[in-house]
Amino acid sequence: MIKHATDLIGKVPEVYSLARLPPDLGFEEVFKNMKVLMEEGLFGAFGASEMKRESLEKAHKVSRVAGWI
């Protein structure tokens, strides 16, 4: 899906944002995989919404989340 978006807009997206975490996966797994995809150059940064502060803090320890200070 990310590759398709890149093809449509003609450039790598600056930010890929997760609206919600999949209920069947832990956030550590999701954010580790997002970090790999980002390092592969599929997008510049990633963000998330609709997450509790505690989850975002834990996710930030796995990889920097866009907009997190």
C-alpha atoms as a PDB file:
ATOM      1  CA  MET A   1       0.000   0.000   0.000  1.00  0.00           C
ATOM      2  CA  ILE A   2       2.817   2.439   0.824  1.00  0.00           C
ATOM      3  CA  LYS A   3       4.602   1.644  -2.438  1.00  0.00           C
ATOM      4  CA  HIS A   4       1.352   2.246  -4.333  1.00  0.00           C
ATOM      5  CA  ALA A   5       0.972   5.650  -2.657  1.00  0.00           C
ATOM      6  CA  THR A   6       4.536   6.533  -3.629  1.00  0.00           C
ATOM      7  CA  ASP A   7       3.815   5.587  -7.236  1.00  0.00           C
ATOM      8  CA  LEU A   8       0.643   7.713  -7.238  1.00  0.00           C
ATOM      9  CA  ILE A   9       2.215  10.887  -5.859  1.00  0.00           C
ATOM     10  CA  GLY A  10       5.569  10.425  -7.561  1.00  0.00           C
ATOM     11  CA  LYS A  11       7.684  10.806  -4.424  1.00  0.00           C
ATOM     12  CA  VAL A  12       8.288   9.199  -1.049  1.00  0.00           C
ATOM     13  CA  PRO A  13       5.696  10.341   1.527  1.00  0.00           C
ATOM     14  CA  GLU A  14       7.219  12.547   4.207  1.00  0.00           C
ATOM     15  CA  VAL A  15       5.086  11.020   6.966  1.00  0.00           C
ATOM     16  CA  TYR A  16       3.110   7.789   7.200  1.00  0.00           C
ATOM     17  CA  SER A  17       0.620   7.885  10.063  1.00  0.00           C
ATOM     18  CA  LEU A  18      -1.184   5.064  11.800  1.00  0.00           C
ATOM     19  CA  ALA A  19      -4.765   5.870  12.756  1.00  0.00           C
ATOM     20  CA  ARG A  20      -5.109   2.869  15.060  1.00  0.00           C
ATOM     21  CA  LEU A  21      -3.016  -0.090  16.057  1.00  0.00           C
ATOM     22  CA  PRO A  22      -4.189  -3.503  14.865  1.00  0.00           C
ATOM     23  CA  PRO A  23      -5.908  -5.242  17.810  1.00  0.00           C
ATOM     24  CA  ASP A  24      -4.089  -8.536  17.143  1.00  0.00           C
ATOM     25  CA  LEU A  25      -0.558  -7.053  17.269  1.00  0.00           C
ATOM     26  CA  GLY A  26       1.408  -5.501  20.092  1.00  0.00           C
ATOM     27  CA  PHE A  27       2.596  -1.946  19.575  1.00  0.00           C
ATOM     28  CA  GLU A  28       6.238  -3.012  19.911  1.00  0.00           C
ATOM     29  CA  GLU A  29       5.871  -5.283  16.889  1.00  0.00           C
ATOM     30  CA  VAL A  30       4.050  -2.621  14.884  1.00  0.00           C
ATOM     31  CA  PHE A  31       6.589   0.114  15.631  1.00  0.00           C
ATOM     32  CA  LYS A  32       9.600  -2.132  15.039  1.00  0.00           C
ATOM     33  CA  ASN A  33       8.167  -2.983  11.614  1.00  0.00           C
ATOM     34  CA  MET A  34       7.376   0.672  10.889  1.00  0.00           C
ATOM     35  CA  LYS A  35      10.975   1.540  11.753  1.00  0.00           C
ATOM     36  CA  VAL A  36      12.243  -1.087   9.280  1.00  0.00           C
ATOM     37  CA  LEU A  37       9.981   0.262   6.520  1.00  0.00           C
ATOM     38  CA  MET A  38      11.146   3.811   7.238  1.00  0.00           C
ATOM     39  CA  GLU A  39      14.800   2.719   7.122  1.00  0.00           C
ATOM     40  CA  GLU A  40      14.085   1.052   3.767  1.00  0.00           C
ATOM     41  CA  GLY A  41      13.073   4.488   2.489  1.00  0.00           C
ATOM     42  CA  LEU A  42       9.346   3.922   2.033  1.00  0.00           C
ATOM     43  CA  PHE A  43       8.556   7.115   4.007  1.00  0.00           C
ATOM     44  CA  GLY A  44      10.455   9.808   5.884  1.00  0.00           C
ATOM     45  CA  ALA A  45       8.853   9.499   9.323  1.00  0.00           C
ATOM     46  CA  PHE A  46       5.863   7.883  10.937  1.00  0.00           C
ATOM     47  CA  GLY A  47       3.262   8.981  13.410  1.00  0.00           C
ATOM     48  CA  ALA A  48       0.282   7.610  15.272  1.00  0.00           C
ATOM     49  CA  SER A  49      -2.995   8.841  16.662  1.00  0.00           C
ATOM     50  CA  GLU A  50      -5.696   7.536  18.964  1.00  0.00           C
ATOM     51  CA  MET A  51      -3.122   6.022  21.298  1.00  0.00           C
ATOM     52  CA  LYS A  52      -2.729   6.477  25.023  1.00  0.00           C
ATOM     53  CA  ARG A  53       0.215   8.567  26.163  1.00  0.00           C
ATOM     54  CA  GLU A  54       1.810   5.526  27.791  1.00  0.00           C
ATOM     55  CA  SER A  55       1.705   3.614  24.500  1.00  0.00           C
ATOM     56  CA  LEU A  56       3.261   6.520  22.592  1.00  0.00           C
ATOM     57  CA  GLU A  57       6.020   6.801  25.189  1.00  0.00           C
ATOM     58  CA  LYS A  58       6.799   3.084  24.819  1.00  0.00           C
ATOM     59  CA  ALA A  59       6.643   3.312  21.026  1.00  0.00           C
ATOM     60  CA  HIS A  60       9.046   6.251  21.056  1.00  0.00           C
ATOM     61  CA  LYS A  61      11.593   4.053  22.832  1.00  0.00           C
ATOM     62  CA  VAL A  62      11.430   1.629  19.864  1.00  0.00           C
ATOM     63  CA  SER A  63      11.732   4.370  17.238  1.00  0.00           C
ATOM     64  CA  ARG A  64      11.176   8.118  17.032  1.00  0.00           C
ATOM     65  CA  VAL A  65       7.540   8.937  16.338  1.00  0.00           C
ATOM     66  CA  ALA A  66       6.840  12.029  14.181  1.00  0.00           C
ATOM     67  CA  GLY A  67       5.671  14.984  16.214  1.00  0.00           C
ATOM     68  CA  TRP A  68       6.859  13.516  19.503  1.00  0.00           C
ATOM     69  CA  ILE A  69       8.886  15.910  21.608  1.00  0.00           C
END
